[in-house]
Protein backbone atom coordinates (compact mmCIF):
# COMPACT_ATOMS: atom_id res chain seq x y z
CA MET A 1 14.69 -14.67 7.76
CA LYS A 2 16.49 -12.62 5.10
CA ILE A 3 13.79 -10.73 3.22
CA LEU A 4 14.16 -8.79 -0.02
CA VAL A 5 11.56 -6.00 0.18
CA THR A 6 10.83 -4.12 -3.04
CA GLY A 7 9.49 -0.60 -2.61
CA GLY A 8 10.83 -0.46 0.93
CA ALA A 9 11.22 3.32 0.89
CA GLY A 10 7.53 3.80 0.14
CA PHE A 11 4.60 4.05 2.52
CA ILE A 12 3.64 0.41 3.13
CA GLY A 13 7.06 -0.97 2.26
CA SER A 14 8.84 1.16 4.83
CA ALA A 15 6.40 0.01 7.52
CA VAL A 16 7.29 -3.59 6.60
CA VAL A 17 11.01 -2.77 6.74
CA ARG A 18 10.82 -1.09 10.14
CA THR A 19 8.67 -3.88 11.60
CA ALA A 20 10.83 -6.68 10.20
CA ILE A 21 14.03 -5.14 11.54
CA ALA A 22 12.42 -4.63 14.95
CA ARG A 23 11.56 -8.35 15.00
CA GLY A 24 15.07 -9.52 14.19
CA ASP A 25 14.80 -10.24 10.46
CA GLN A 26 17.43 -9.24 7.94
CA VAL A 27 16.10 -6.86 5.28
CA VAL A 28 17.36 -5.84 1.87
CA ASN A 29 15.41 -2.76 0.78
CA LEU A 30 15.26 -2.46 -3.01
CA ASP A 31 13.75 0.81 -4.22
CA ALA A 32 14.12 2.99 -7.32
CA LEU A 33 13.44 6.15 -5.25
CA THR A 34 10.79 7.54 -7.57
CA TYR A 35 8.67 10.56 -6.60
CA ALA A 36 6.72 8.93 -3.72
CA ALA A 37 9.71 7.21 -2.10
CA CYS A 38 11.53 8.75 0.82
CA LEU A 39 14.59 7.33 2.57
CA GLU A 40 13.60 9.27 5.69
CA ASN A 41 10.86 6.62 6.03
CA VAL A 42 13.54 4.10 7.00
CA ALA A 43 16.03 6.44 8.65
CA SER A 44 15.36 4.81 12.04
CA VAL A 45 16.83 1.50 10.79
CA ALA A 46 19.34 2.76 8.20
CA ASP A 47 22.36 2.02 10.41
CA HIS A 48 21.10 -1.30 11.73
CA PRO A 49 23.45 -4.25 10.96
CA ASN A 50 20.50 -6.28 9.59
CA TYR A 51 19.55 -3.62 7.03
CA ALA A 52 20.85 -3.00 3.52
CA PHE A 53 19.65 -0.67 0.78
CA GLU A 54 19.93 -1.03 -2.99
CA GLN A 55 18.70 1.70 -5.34
CA VAL A 56 17.39 -0.45 -8.17
CA ASP A 57 14.44 -0.13 -10.56
CA ILE A 58 12.40 -3.31 -10.93
CA ARG A 59 12.23 -2.58 -14.65
CA ASN A 60 15.98 -3.36 -14.79
CA ARG A 61 16.22 -7.16 -14.92
CA ALA A 62 20.04 -7.33 -14.92
CA ALA A 63 20.23 -5.23 -11.75
CA LEU A 64 17.66 -7.51 -10.09
CA ASP A 65 19.77 -10.58 -10.90
CA THR A 66 22.77 -8.88 -9.29
CA VAL A 67 20.82 -8.17 -6.10
CA PHE A 68 19.57 -11.76 -5.81
CA ALA A 69 23.09 -13.12 -6.32
CA LYS A 70 24.60 -10.71 -3.81
CA TYR A 71 22.14 -11.18 -0.94
CA LYS A 72 20.59 -14.65 -1.49
CA PRO A 73 17.25 -13.85 0.22
CA ASP A 74 15.01 -16.44 1.89
CA ALA A 75 11.90 -14.57 0.72
CA VAL A 76 10.74 -11.72 -1.49
CA MET A 77 8.05 -9.27 -0.42
CA HIS A 78 7.12 -7.46 -3.61
CA LEU A 79 5.50 -4.10 -2.82
CA ALA A 80 7.13 -1.83 -5.42
CA ALA A 81 4.39 -0.29 -7.54
CA GLU A 82 2.86 2.87 -8.89
CA SER A 83 -0.19 3.22 -6.67
CA HIS A 84 -2.10 6.48 -7.07
CA VAL A 85 -5.35 6.04 -9.05
CA ASP A 86 -5.52 9.71 -10.08
CA ARG A 87 -1.99 9.57 -11.50
CA SER A 88 -2.89 6.39 -13.39
CA ILE A 89 -5.72 8.23 -15.13
CA ASP A 90 -3.37 10.96 -16.34
CA GLY A 91 -0.37 8.74 -17.13
CA PRO A 92 -1.16 5.01 -17.38
CA SER A 93 2.11 4.03 -19.08
CA ASP A 94 4.17 4.23 -15.86
CA PHE A 95 1.69 1.88 -14.21
CA ILE A 96 1.92 -0.66 -17.04
CA GLU A 97 5.72 -0.57 -17.09
CA THR A 98 6.25 -0.76 -13.34
CA ASN A 99 3.33 -2.83 -12.10
CA ILE A 100 3.19 -5.35 -14.95
CA THR A 101 6.61 -5.44 -16.60
CA GLY A 102 8.34 -4.80 -13.27
CA THR A 103 6.49 -7.70 -11.65
CA PHE A 104 7.40 -9.93 -14.61
CA ASN A 105 11.06 -9.02 -14.08
CA MET A 106 10.80 -9.77 -10.36
CA LEU A 107 9.21 -13.15 -11.03
CA GLU A 108 11.84 -14.11 -13.58
CA ALA A 109 14.72 -12.96 -11.37
CA ALA A 110 13.25 -14.84 -8.41
CA ARG A 111 12.62 -17.96 -10.51
CA SER A 112 16.17 -17.99 -11.85
CA TYR A 113 17.63 -17.52 -8.37
CA TRP A 114 15.34 -20.19 -6.87
CA GLN A 115 16.14 -22.73 -9.58
CA ASP A 116 19.89 -22.10 -9.34
CA ALA A 117 19.66 -22.63 -5.57
CA GLY A 118 18.09 -26.06 -6.09
CA LYS A 119 14.48 -24.97 -5.60
CA PRO A 120 14.62 -24.75 -1.78
CA ASP A 121 11.32 -25.49 -0.04
CA SER A 122 11.90 -22.57 2.32
CA PHE A 123 11.88 -19.89 -0.40
CA ARG A 124 8.74 -17.90 -1.11
CA PHE A 125 7.66 -14.98 -3.27
CA HIS A 126 5.05 -12.82 -1.55
CA HIS A 127 3.15 -10.52 -3.91
CA ILE A 128 1.35 -7.62 -2.22
CA SER A 129 -1.69 -6.28 -4.06
CA THR A 130 -4.92 -4.35 -3.56
CA ASP A 131 -8.65 -4.97 -3.15
CA GLU A 132 -9.21 -2.58 -6.07
CA VAL A 133 -8.63 -5.50 -8.46
CA TYR A 134 -12.12 -6.77 -7.50
CA GLY A 135 -13.94 -3.69 -8.77
CA SER A 136 -16.88 -2.03 -7.03
CA LEU A 137 -19.38 -3.40 -4.50
CA PRO A 138 -23.05 -2.55 -3.94
CA ALA A 139 -24.11 -0.79 -0.76
CA ASP A 140 -25.37 -4.04 0.83
CA PRO A 141 -23.21 -4.52 3.98
CA ASP A 142 -23.53 -8.30 3.68
CA VAL A 143 -21.62 -8.26 0.38
CA GLN A 144 -17.83 -8.16 0.71
CA PHE A 145 -14.76 -9.13 -1.28
CA THR A 146 -13.50 -12.64 -0.64
CA GLU A 147 -10.46 -14.37 -2.09
CA ASP A 148 -12.80 -16.00 -4.61
CA THR A 149 -14.36 -12.74 -5.87
CA SER A 150 -13.98 -12.34 -9.63
CA TYR A 151 -11.62 -9.63 -10.81
CA ASP A 152 -13.23 -6.52 -12.28
CA PRO A 153 -10.69 -3.66 -12.26
CA ARG A 154 -11.98 -0.20 -13.23
CA SER A 155 -8.91 2.08 -13.37
CA PRO A 156 -5.51 1.82 -15.09
CA TYR A 157 -3.99 1.34 -11.63
CA SER A 158 -6.27 -1.52 -10.57
CA ALA A 159 -6.00 -3.14 -14.01
CA SER A 160 -2.21 -3.11 -13.78
CA LYS A 161 -2.35 -4.68 -10.31
CA ALA A 162 -4.83 -7.30 -11.50
CA ALA A 163 -2.45 -8.19 -14.31
CA SER A 164 0.44 -8.54 -11.88
CA ASP A 165 -1.66 -10.82 -9.65
CA HIS A 166 -2.40 -13.05 -12.64
CA LEU A 167 1.30 -13.19 -13.56
CA VAL A 168 2.21 -14.34 -10.05
CA ARG A 169 -0.39 -17.10 -10.11
CA ALA A 170 0.75 -18.17 -13.59
CA TRP A 171 4.38 -18.44 -12.46
CA ALA A 172 3.25 -20.61 -9.55
CA GLU A 173 1.18 -22.91 -11.79
CA THR A 174 3.58 -23.07 -14.74
CA TYR A 175 6.98 -23.06 -13.06
CA GLY A 176 6.15 -24.16 -9.53
CA LEU A 177 7.44 -20.92 -8.03
CA PRO A 178 6.42 -20.90 -4.34
CA VAL A 179 4.17 -17.87 -3.96
CA VAL A 180 1.70 -16.30 -1.56
CA LEU A 181 -0.51 -13.31 -2.40
CA THR A 182 -2.31 -10.69 -0.35
CA ASN A 183 -4.90 -8.08 -1.35
CA CYS A 184 -5.38 -5.25 1.10
CA SER A 185 -7.90 -2.50 1.72
CA ASN A 186 -7.02 1.22 1.87
CA ASN A 187 -4.00 1.92 4.06
CA TYR A 188 -3.34 4.99 6.19
CA GLY A 189 -0.94 6.02 8.93
CA PRO A 190 2.52 7.57 9.47
CA TYR A 191 4.73 8.35 6.46
CA HIS A 192 1.75 8.41 4.05
CA PHE A 193 2.82 10.39 0.98
CA PRO A 194 0.81 13.64 0.85
CA GLU A 195 -1.19 12.97 -2.32
CA LYS A 196 -3.68 10.47 -0.83
CA LEU A 197 -6.97 11.44 0.85
CA ILE A 198 -6.06 11.26 4.54
CA PRO A 199 -2.75 13.19 4.45
CA VAL A 200 -4.25 15.69 1.99
CA VAL A 201 -7.10 16.38 4.40
CA ILE A 202 -4.81 16.69 7.42
CA LEU A 203 -2.32 19.01 5.74
CA ASN A 204 -4.95 21.13 3.97
CA ALA A 205 -6.77 21.54 7.27
CA LEU A 206 -3.61 22.68 9.05
CA ALA A 207 -3.02 25.20 6.25
CA GLY A 208 -6.63 26.45 6.36
CA LYS A 209 -7.28 25.22 2.81
CA ALA A 210 -10.38 23.55 1.39
CA LEU A 211 -10.84 19.87 2.21
CA PRO A 212 -11.76 18.31 -1.17
CA ILE A 213 -14.23 15.42 -1.23
CA TYR A 214 -14.98 13.75 -4.56
CA GLY A 215 -18.65 13.69 -5.59
CA ASP A 216 -21.02 13.59 -2.63
CA GLY A 217 -18.60 11.75 -0.33
CA SER A 218 -20.67 8.57 -0.26
CA ASN A 219 -17.92 6.30 -1.64
CA VAL A 220 -17.04 3.70 1.01
CA ARG A 221 -13.64 2.23 1.81
CA ASP A 222 -12.37 -0.24 4.41
CA TRP A 223 -9.50 1.49 6.25
CA LEU A 224 -6.41 -0.43 7.39
CA TYR A 225 -3.76 1.08 9.66
CA VAL A 226 -0.41 0.63 7.90
CA GLU A 227 1.40 -0.86 10.91
CA ASP A 228 -1.38 -3.45 11.26
CA HIS A 229 -0.90 -4.23 7.57
CA ALA A 230 2.86 -4.68 8.00
CA ASP A 231 2.18 -7.10 10.85
CA ALA A 232 -0.21 -9.12 8.66
CA LEU A 233 2.20 -9.19 5.71
CA LEU A 234 5.07 -10.55 7.79
CA LEU A 235 2.74 -13.20 9.18
CA VAL A 236 1.69 -14.28 5.68
CA VAL A 237 5.23 -14.43 4.27
CA LYS A 238 6.30 -16.70 7.12
CA LYS A 239 3.20 -18.81 7.80
CA GLY A 240 0.84 -18.42 4.84
CA GLU A 241 0.05 -21.50 2.80
CA LEU A 242 1.91 -21.63 -0.50
CA GLY A 243 -0.27 -20.85 -3.49
CA ARG A 244 -2.87 -19.23 -1.24
CA SER A 245 -4.15 -15.66 -1.30
CA TYR A 246 -5.25 -13.71 1.76
CA ASN A 247 -7.44 -10.60 1.90
CA ILE A 248 -6.26 -8.15 4.56
CA GLY A 249 -8.86 -5.66 5.77
CA GLY A 250 -9.18 -3.20 8.59
CA GLU A 251 -12.78 -4.14 9.45
CA ASN A 252 -13.44 -0.39 9.38
CA GLU A 253 -15.81 0.66 6.59
CA ARG A 254 -16.41 4.40 6.38
CA SER A 255 -17.68 6.72 3.67
CA ASN A 256 -15.22 9.35 2.53
CA LEU A 257 -17.40 12.04 4.11
CA GLU A 258 -17.53 10.20 7.43
CA LEU A 259 -13.76 9.75 7.33
CA VAL A 260 -13.06 13.42 6.69
CA GLN A 261 -15.50 14.49 9.40
CA THR A 262 -13.69 12.22 11.87
CA ILE A 263 -10.35 13.80 10.97
CA CYS A 264 -11.89 17.24 11.46
CA ASP A 265 -13.19 16.26 14.90
CA ILE A 266 -9.75 14.98 15.92
CA LEU A 267 -8.07 18.18 14.73
CA ASP A 268 -10.68 20.26 16.53
CA ASP A 269 -9.60 18.46 19.71
CA LEU A 270 -5.83 18.44 19.17
CA ARG A 271 -5.29 21.79 17.42
CA PRO A 272 -8.46 23.93 17.40
CA ARG A 273 -8.89 26.63 14.78
CA ALA A 274 -9.00 30.21 15.90
CA ASP A 275 -12.34 30.65 14.16
CA GLY A 276 -14.86 27.89 13.46
CA THR A 277 -14.28 24.17 13.00
CA TYR A 278 -12.25 22.24 10.47
CA ALA A 279 -15.46 20.77 9.02
CA ASP A 280 -16.25 24.28 7.77
CA LEU A 281 -13.48 23.71 5.19
CA ILE A 282 -15.13 20.66 3.58
CA THR A 283 -15.67 21.25 -0.15
CA PHE A 284 -17.30 18.85 -2.61
CA VAL A 285 -15.50 18.65 -5.95
CA THR A 286 -16.09 16.92 -9.29
CA ASP A 287 -15.94 13.17 -8.85
CA ARG A 288 -13.09 11.01 -10.14
CA PRO A 289 -13.82 9.27 -13.49
CA GLY A 290 -14.88 5.67 -12.84
CA HIS A 291 -14.87 6.15 -9.06
CA ASP A 292 -15.71 2.79 -7.44
CA ALA A 293 -18.65 3.06 -5.05
CA ARG A 294 -17.54 0.70 -2.30
CA TYR A 295 -14.72 -1.60 -1.22
CA ALA A 296 -15.13 -3.98 1.71
CA ILE A 297 -13.08 -7.03 2.64
CA ASP A 298 -14.18 -10.26 4.25
CA PRO A 299 -11.06 -11.03 6.35
CA SER A 300 -12.22 -14.41 7.64
CA ARG A 301 -9.51 -16.46 5.87
CA ILE A 302 -6.54 -14.66 7.44
CA ARG A 303 -8.38 -14.52 10.77
CA ASP A 304 -9.33 -18.19 10.83
CA GLU A 305 -6.20 -19.69 9.27
CA LEU A 306 -3.47 -17.42 10.64
CA GLY A 307 -5.13 -15.81 13.67
CA TRP A 308 -4.69 -12.21 12.53
CA ARG A 309 -6.98 -9.26 13.21
CA PRO A 310 -6.36 -5.50 13.11
CA SER A 311 -5.34 -3.95 16.42
CA VAL A 312 -7.02 -0.54 16.10
CA THR A 313 -10.34 0.93 15.03
CA VAL A 314 -10.25 3.61 12.35
CA GLU A 315 -10.95 6.27 14.99
CA GLU A 316 -7.97 5.11 17.06
CA GLY A 317 -5.74 4.84 14.01
CA LEU A 318 -6.74 8.26 12.69
CA ARG A 319 -5.94 9.89 16.02
CA LYS A 320 -2.49 8.27 16.01
CA THR A 321 -2.02 9.40 12.39
CA VAL A 322 -3.03 13.01 13.04
CA GLN A 323 -0.74 13.13 16.09
CA TRP A 324 2.13 11.85 13.94
CA TYR A 325 1.61 14.53 11.27
CA LEU A 326 1.40 17.23 13.91
CA ALA A 327 4.73 16.07 15.34
CA ASN A 328 6.55 15.52 12.04
CA GLU A 329 6.26 18.65 9.94
CA ASP A 330 9.95 18.31 9.07
CA TRP A 331 9.07 15.09 7.21
CA TRP A 332 6.01 16.19 5.22
CA ARG A 333 6.84 19.84 4.51
CA PRO A 334 9.59 19.14 1.89
CA LEU A 335 7.41 16.53 0.14
CA GLN A 336 4.81 19.14 -0.71
CA ALA A 337 7.20 20.53 -3.31
CA ARG A 338 7.35 17.25 -5.26
CA GLN A 339 5.76 16.95 -8.69
CA GLY A 340 1.96 16.76 -8.65
CA VAL A 341 1.56 17.15 -4.89
CA GLY A 342 -1.18 19.63 -4.03
CA THR A 343 -2.56 19.54 -7.57
CA ARG A 344 -5.81 17.83 -8.56
CA LEU A 345 -4.95 14.92 -10.84
CA GLY A 346 -7.05 12.40 -12.72
CA VAL A 347 -9.62 14.72 -14.27
CA LYS A 348 -8.65 14.28 -17.94
CA ALA A 349 -10.77 11.24 -18.71
């Protein structure tokens, strides 16, 4: 399969690129190389004969048309997006332009290409989204997000992703564009840009800095190892039912405090501090405005229909993640100088 991956130099996108190449697919990586992108994420496949890279912004429709005409992909996996909630609070316009207008451009470029090619049955547009579009859940463990949960986004980021989901469904209903959608829980793992919770905690701990936890740390997320996610995405783009959406979860609910304590325990084992434990560095800070209390995914559809389940528990995945950061300082050290990294964002509201 020849797959056009948008955002393939980002965290999740690069995992998809590396996995697809390893499995024999051809990949065209389209990325604007904004602040969170990093070509080192795909350096291991950069010279592979099945890999190509195009530096293109999805806000540039003419450039998208050129890429479709040049490569003639069998499928699109649309991951390119602004994704950091805190940044969306401070600067929502980038999220509207990229996540909504950019998705519109991708849909129109894909539709034009698909129609010109005679509307082949084999083509599909896979839109990758987030569980944050569903809003916040109560503490009741029996209540989870399903594919039929009503949308209730609470941040500029999640609202922009909800809008993009609706656009994709509208293009399927109105124009017949063959689409599949996925909504995932919180990802973590290698190559995670150091502004998100898990890499921030790991790198702050190694530097002996405070480990910031919003509010009282009771907010719950379902954690999905990024390589498991890439595996699920490639399964959906190839075997998912057209017009169908699939929730992808890690089956690993943890509160933020529990998650950080687990990371501390792993670091205590792998690289002990000279004095005390890493948990001594935990610091509670002012909560994020509109911080959703809980996300949890019911993954039964993708499990029952496509046979997919995550391969690791969050404890196993976190250990692999910490080991990767310990071994790859040459990757994360330069990224700490990028704009906004290491600075508390999203407190203006």
